[in-house]
Amino acid sequence: MGRQKMRQIIVKPILTEKTINLASELNQYTFEVSGETTKKQVATRIAEKYEVEVESVRIQNRLGKIKRFGSKSSGRRKNSKRAIVQLNKKDKIDSFEIK
């Protein structure tokens, strides 16, 4: 096999009230990922980047919302893909903590 280009898998963490509660109560962390990313790629990248043990990964493909421009034209916001990562009970990611 040839050498693959290193592409960005994890785009950014999703920090909302709901995802912070998931992180503190259930040890589940939410990230926006690139569109062609698989569960295995997400698990290995999170384990490498944050030095944690990943138990499972769930993926959500989110359709962009319809946005109206005036009375006759409309468009759509971009589609996104999210990964919800379940970590081992002993592991945590500090960037999701409320300070």
N, C-alpha and C. Protein backbone atom coordinates (compact mmCIF):
# COMPACT_ATOMS: atom_id res chain seq x y z
N MET A 1 0.83 -1.19 0.00
CA MET A 1 0.00 0.00 0.00
C MET A 1 0.86 1.24 0.00
N GLY A 2 0.37 2.26 -0.66
CA GLY A 2 1.09 3.52 -0.70
C GLY A 2 0.88 4.32 0.57
N ARG A 3 1.61 5.36 0.68
CA ARG A 3 1.52 6.21 1.85
C ARG A 3 0.28 7.08 1.76
N GLN A 4 -0.55 7.06 2.82
CA GLN A 4 -1.77 7.85 2.81
C GLN A 4 -1.50 9.23 3.36
N LYS A 5 -2.24 10.21 2.82
CA LYS A 5 -2.12 11.56 3.32
C LYS A 5 -2.74 11.63 4.71
N MET A 6 -2.09 12.37 5.60
CA MET A 6 -2.62 12.56 6.93
C MET A 6 -3.71 13.62 6.85
N ARG A 7 -4.94 13.25 7.13
CA ARG A 7 -6.02 14.21 7.05
C ARG A 7 -6.61 14.42 8.44
N GLN A 8 -7.32 15.50 8.56
CA GLN A 8 -7.90 15.86 9.84
C GLN A 8 -9.13 15.00 10.08
N ILE A 9 -9.09 14.20 11.14
CA ILE A 9 -10.22 13.35 11.50
C ILE A 9 -11.10 14.06 12.52
N ILE A 10 -10.50 14.54 13.60
CA ILE A 10 -11.23 15.26 14.63
C ILE A 10 -11.19 16.75 14.28
N VAL A 11 -12.36 17.33 13.98
CA VAL A 11 -12.42 18.74 13.61
C VAL A 11 -12.37 19.61 14.86
N LYS A 12 -13.29 19.34 15.82
CA LYS A 12 -13.32 20.10 17.06
C LYS A 12 -14.22 19.40 18.07
N PRO A 13 -14.01 19.67 19.37
CA PRO A 13 -14.94 19.15 20.37
C PRO A 13 -16.22 19.99 20.36
N ILE A 14 -17.34 19.37 20.65
CA ILE A 14 -18.62 20.06 20.73
C ILE A 14 -18.87 20.35 22.21
N LEU A 15 -18.89 21.63 22.57
CA LEU A 15 -19.07 22.04 23.96
C LEU A 15 -20.38 22.78 24.11
N THR A 16 -21.42 22.04 24.46
CA THR A 16 -22.73 22.63 24.77
C THR A 16 -23.12 22.15 26.16
N GLU A 17 -24.21 22.67 26.68
CA GLU A 17 -24.65 22.26 28.00
C GLU A 17 -24.93 20.75 28.04
N LYS A 18 -25.55 20.24 27.00
CA LYS A 18 -25.87 18.81 26.96
C LYS A 18 -24.61 17.94 26.88
N THR A 19 -23.64 18.32 26.05
CA THR A 19 -22.44 17.49 25.93
C THR A 19 -21.57 17.57 27.18
N ILE A 20 -21.57 18.70 27.86
CA ILE A 20 -20.83 18.79 29.12
C ILE A 20 -21.47 17.91 30.19
N ASN A 21 -22.81 17.86 30.21
CA ASN A 21 -23.50 16.95 31.14
C ASN A 21 -23.21 15.49 30.80
N LEU A 22 -23.20 15.15 29.51
CA LEU A 22 -22.85 13.78 29.11
C LEU A 22 -21.44 13.42 29.58
N ALA A 23 -20.52 14.37 29.46
CA ALA A 23 -19.14 14.11 29.86
C ALA A 23 -19.03 13.91 31.37
N SER A 24 -19.71 14.72 32.15
CA SER A 24 -19.58 14.62 33.60
C SER A 24 -20.35 13.45 34.18
N GLU A 25 -21.52 13.13 33.63
CA GLU A 25 -22.36 12.08 34.20
C GLU A 25 -22.09 10.70 33.62
N LEU A 26 -21.92 10.60 32.30
CA LEU A 26 -21.80 9.29 31.64
C LEU A 26 -20.43 9.02 31.05
N ASN A 27 -19.50 9.98 31.17
CA ASN A 27 -18.15 9.84 30.62
C ASN A 27 -18.18 9.65 29.09
N GLN A 28 -19.09 10.39 28.43
CA GLN A 28 -19.21 10.38 26.97
C GLN A 28 -18.84 11.76 26.45
N TYR A 29 -17.99 11.81 25.42
CA TYR A 29 -17.48 13.06 24.88
C TYR A 29 -17.87 13.17 23.41
N THR A 30 -18.26 14.37 22.99
CA THR A 30 -18.77 14.59 21.64
C THR A 30 -17.80 15.44 20.83
N PHE A 31 -17.51 14.98 19.59
CA PHE A 31 -16.60 15.68 18.71
C PHE A 31 -17.22 15.80 17.33
N GLU A 32 -16.93 16.90 16.64
CA GLU A 32 -17.26 17.00 15.22
C GLU A 32 -16.12 16.35 14.45
N VAL A 33 -16.46 15.48 13.52
CA VAL A 33 -15.45 14.76 12.74
C VAL A 33 -15.68 15.01 11.26
N SER A 34 -14.67 14.69 10.45
CA SER A 34 -14.80 14.89 9.01
C SER A 34 -15.76 13.85 8.43
N GLY A 35 -16.28 14.14 7.25
CA GLY A 35 -17.36 13.35 6.68
C GLY A 35 -17.05 11.91 6.34
N GLU A 36 -15.81 11.59 6.00
CA GLU A 36 -15.49 10.23 5.57
C GLU A 36 -14.85 9.39 6.69
N THR A 37 -14.90 9.87 7.91
CA THR A 37 -14.26 9.21 9.04
C THR A 37 -15.07 8.01 9.51
N THR A 38 -14.38 6.94 9.91
CA THR A 38 -15.02 5.74 10.45
C THR A 38 -14.89 5.71 11.97
N LYS A 39 -15.63 4.80 12.60
CA LYS A 39 -15.59 4.65 14.05
C LYS A 39 -14.20 4.24 14.53
N LYS A 40 -13.55 3.34 13.82
CA LYS A 40 -12.22 2.88 14.21
C LYS A 40 -11.20 4.01 14.14
N GLN A 41 -11.29 4.84 13.11
CA GLN A 41 -10.38 5.97 13.00
C GLN A 41 -10.57 6.96 14.15
N VAL A 42 -11.83 7.22 14.51
CA VAL A 42 -12.11 8.12 15.62
C VAL A 42 -11.55 7.56 16.92
N ALA A 43 -11.78 6.27 17.16
CA ALA A 43 -11.32 5.65 18.40
C ALA A 43 -9.80 5.71 18.53
N THR A 44 -9.08 5.39 17.45
CA THR A 44 -7.62 5.41 17.53
C THR A 44 -7.09 6.83 17.68
N ARG A 45 -7.70 7.80 16.99
CA ARG A 45 -7.21 9.18 17.08
C ARG A 45 -7.47 9.78 18.46
N ILE A 46 -8.64 9.50 19.06
CA ILE A 46 -8.93 10.00 20.40
C ILE A 46 -7.99 9.36 21.42
N ALA A 47 -7.77 8.06 21.29
CA ALA A 47 -6.87 7.35 22.21
C ALA A 47 -5.45 7.91 22.13
N GLU A 48 -4.98 8.22 20.92
CA GLU A 48 -3.63 8.77 20.75
C GLU A 48 -3.54 10.21 21.26
N LYS A 49 -4.51 11.03 20.90
CA LYS A 49 -4.44 12.46 21.21
C LYS A 49 -4.60 12.75 22.70
N TYR A 50 -5.55 12.08 23.36
CA TYR A 50 -5.84 12.37 24.75
C TYR A 50 -5.29 11.32 25.72
N GLU A 51 -4.66 10.28 25.21
CA GLU A 51 -4.08 9.20 26.01
C GLU A 51 -5.11 8.58 26.95
N VAL A 52 -6.22 8.13 26.37
CA VAL A 52 -7.32 7.51 27.11
C VAL A 52 -7.67 6.18 26.45
N GLU A 53 -8.50 5.39 27.14
CA GLU A 53 -8.96 4.12 26.58
C GLU A 53 -10.42 4.27 26.15
N VAL A 54 -10.67 4.09 24.85
CA VAL A 54 -12.00 4.26 24.27
C VAL A 54 -12.74 2.92 24.32
N GLU A 55 -13.97 2.94 24.87
CA GLU A 55 -14.78 1.73 24.92
C GLU A 55 -15.67 1.59 23.69
N SER A 56 -16.32 2.68 23.27
CA SER A 56 -17.19 2.60 22.10
C SER A 56 -17.30 3.98 21.44
N VAL A 57 -17.74 3.96 20.19
CA VAL A 57 -17.95 5.19 19.42
C VAL A 57 -19.28 5.08 18.70
N ARG A 58 -20.08 6.14 18.80
CA ARG A 58 -21.33 6.24 18.02
C ARG A 58 -21.20 7.42 17.08
N ILE A 59 -21.73 7.29 15.87
CA ILE A 59 -21.62 8.32 14.85
C ILE A 59 -23.01 8.85 14.51
N GLN A 60 -23.11 10.20 14.36
CA GLN A 60 -24.35 10.84 13.91
C GLN A 60 -24.06 11.61 12.64
N ASN A 61 -24.80 11.32 11.58
CA ASN A 61 -24.75 12.14 10.37
C ASN A 61 -25.89 13.14 10.47
N ARG A 62 -25.55 14.42 10.51
CA ARG A 62 -26.55 15.46 10.74
C ARG A 62 -26.77 16.25 9.46
N LEU A 63 -28.03 16.31 9.02
CA LEU A 63 -28.40 17.06 7.83
C LEU A 63 -28.48 18.54 8.17
N GLY A 64 -27.93 19.39 7.31
CA GLY A 64 -27.94 20.83 7.54
C GLY A 64 -29.36 21.38 7.49
N LYS A 65 -29.61 22.39 8.32
CA LYS A 65 -30.94 22.99 8.37
C LYS A 65 -31.20 23.84 7.13
N ILE A 66 -32.48 23.96 6.76
CA ILE A 66 -32.87 24.83 5.65
C ILE A 66 -32.92 26.27 6.15
N LYS A 67 -32.30 27.16 5.41
CA LYS A 67 -32.22 28.58 5.78
C LYS A 67 -32.85 29.39 4.66
N ARG A 68 -33.79 30.27 5.01
CA ARG A 68 -34.47 31.09 4.00
C ARG A 68 -33.76 32.42 3.83
N PHE A 69 -33.71 32.89 2.60
CA PHE A 69 -33.14 34.19 2.26
C PHE A 69 -34.23 34.99 1.57
N GLY A 70 -34.94 35.80 2.32
CA GLY A 70 -36.05 36.55 1.73
C GLY A 70 -37.27 35.67 1.61
N SER A 71 -38.17 36.07 0.70
CA SER A 71 -39.43 35.35 0.61
C SER A 71 -39.41 34.19 -0.40
N LYS A 72 -38.47 34.20 -1.36
CA LYS A 72 -38.54 33.20 -2.43
C LYS A 72 -37.35 32.25 -2.51
N SER A 73 -36.24 32.62 -1.95
CA SER A 73 -35.08 31.75 -2.09
C SER A 73 -34.69 31.15 -0.74
N SER A 74 -34.10 29.98 -0.81
CA SER A 74 -33.66 29.31 0.40
C SER A 74 -32.42 28.48 0.08
N GLY A 75 -31.72 28.12 1.10
CA GLY A 75 -30.53 27.30 0.97
C GLY A 75 -30.44 26.35 2.14
N ARG A 76 -29.34 25.67 2.24
CA ARG A 76 -29.18 24.70 3.31
C ARG A 76 -27.81 24.91 3.95
N ARG A 77 -27.76 24.84 5.27
CA ARG A 77 -26.49 24.89 5.97
C ARG A 77 -25.74 23.59 5.70
N LYS A 78 -24.44 23.58 5.99
CA LYS A 78 -23.65 22.40 5.65
C LYS A 78 -24.01 21.22 6.55
N ASN A 79 -23.90 20.03 6.00
CA ASN A 79 -24.11 18.80 6.76
C ASN A 79 -22.91 18.60 7.68
N SER A 80 -23.11 17.87 8.77
CA SER A 80 -22.02 17.62 9.70
C SER A 80 -22.08 16.19 10.20
N LYS A 81 -20.99 15.75 10.77
CA LYS A 81 -20.89 14.41 11.32
C LYS A 81 -20.32 14.53 12.72
N ARG A 82 -20.95 13.89 13.68
CA ARG A 82 -20.51 13.92 15.07
C ARG A 82 -20.19 12.52 15.55
N ALA A 83 -19.24 12.44 16.46
CA ALA A 83 -18.89 11.17 17.10
C ALA A 83 -19.05 11.34 18.60
N ILE A 84 -19.78 10.42 19.22
CA ILE A 84 -19.93 10.38 20.67
C ILE A 84 -19.07 9.23 21.16
N VAL A 85 -18.06 9.57 21.96
CA VAL A 85 -17.04 8.61 22.37
C VAL A 85 -17.26 8.25 23.83
N GLN A 86 -17.42 6.95 24.12
CA GLN A 86 -17.55 6.45 25.49
C GLN A 86 -16.17 6.03 25.97
N LEU A 87 -15.71 6.61 27.08
CA LEU A 87 -14.39 6.29 27.62
C LEU A 87 -14.50 5.31 28.77
N ASN A 88 -13.37 4.69 29.10
CA ASN A 88 -13.26 3.84 30.25
C ASN A 88 -13.56 4.67 31.50
N LYS A 89 -14.06 4.04 32.56
CA LYS A 89 -14.46 4.77 33.77
C LYS A 89 -13.32 5.52 34.42
N LYS A 90 -12.10 5.02 34.30
CA LYS A 90 -10.96 5.66 34.96
C LYS A 90 -10.40 6.85 34.17
N ASP A 91 -10.80 7.03 32.91
CA ASP A 91 -10.25 8.08 32.06
C ASP A 91 -11.17 9.29 31.98
N LYS A 92 -10.56 10.46 31.74
CA LYS A 92 -11.28 11.71 31.53
C LYS A 92 -10.54 12.56 30.53
N ILE A 93 -11.26 13.48 29.89
CA ILE A 93 -10.66 14.48 29.02
C ILE A 93 -10.89 15.82 29.70
N ASP A 94 -9.81 16.53 30.04
CA ASP A 94 -9.89 17.73 30.86
C ASP A 94 -10.53 18.92 30.16
N SER A 95 -10.49 18.98 28.83
CA SER A 95 -11.02 20.16 28.13
C SER A 95 -12.53 20.26 28.20
N PHE A 96 -13.24 19.21 28.65
CA PHE A 96 -14.69 19.22 28.77
C PHE A 96 -15.15 19.61 30.17
N GLU A 97 -14.23 19.84 31.09
CA GLU A 97 -14.59 20.16 32.46
C GLU A 97 -15.02 21.62 32.59
N ILE A 98 -16.00 21.88 33.44
CA ILE A 98 -16.43 23.24 33.72
C ILE A 98 -15.54 23.78 34.84
N LYS A 99 -14.98 24.95 34.60
CA LYS A 99 -14.06 25.53 35.58
C LYS A 99 -14.71 26.63 36.36
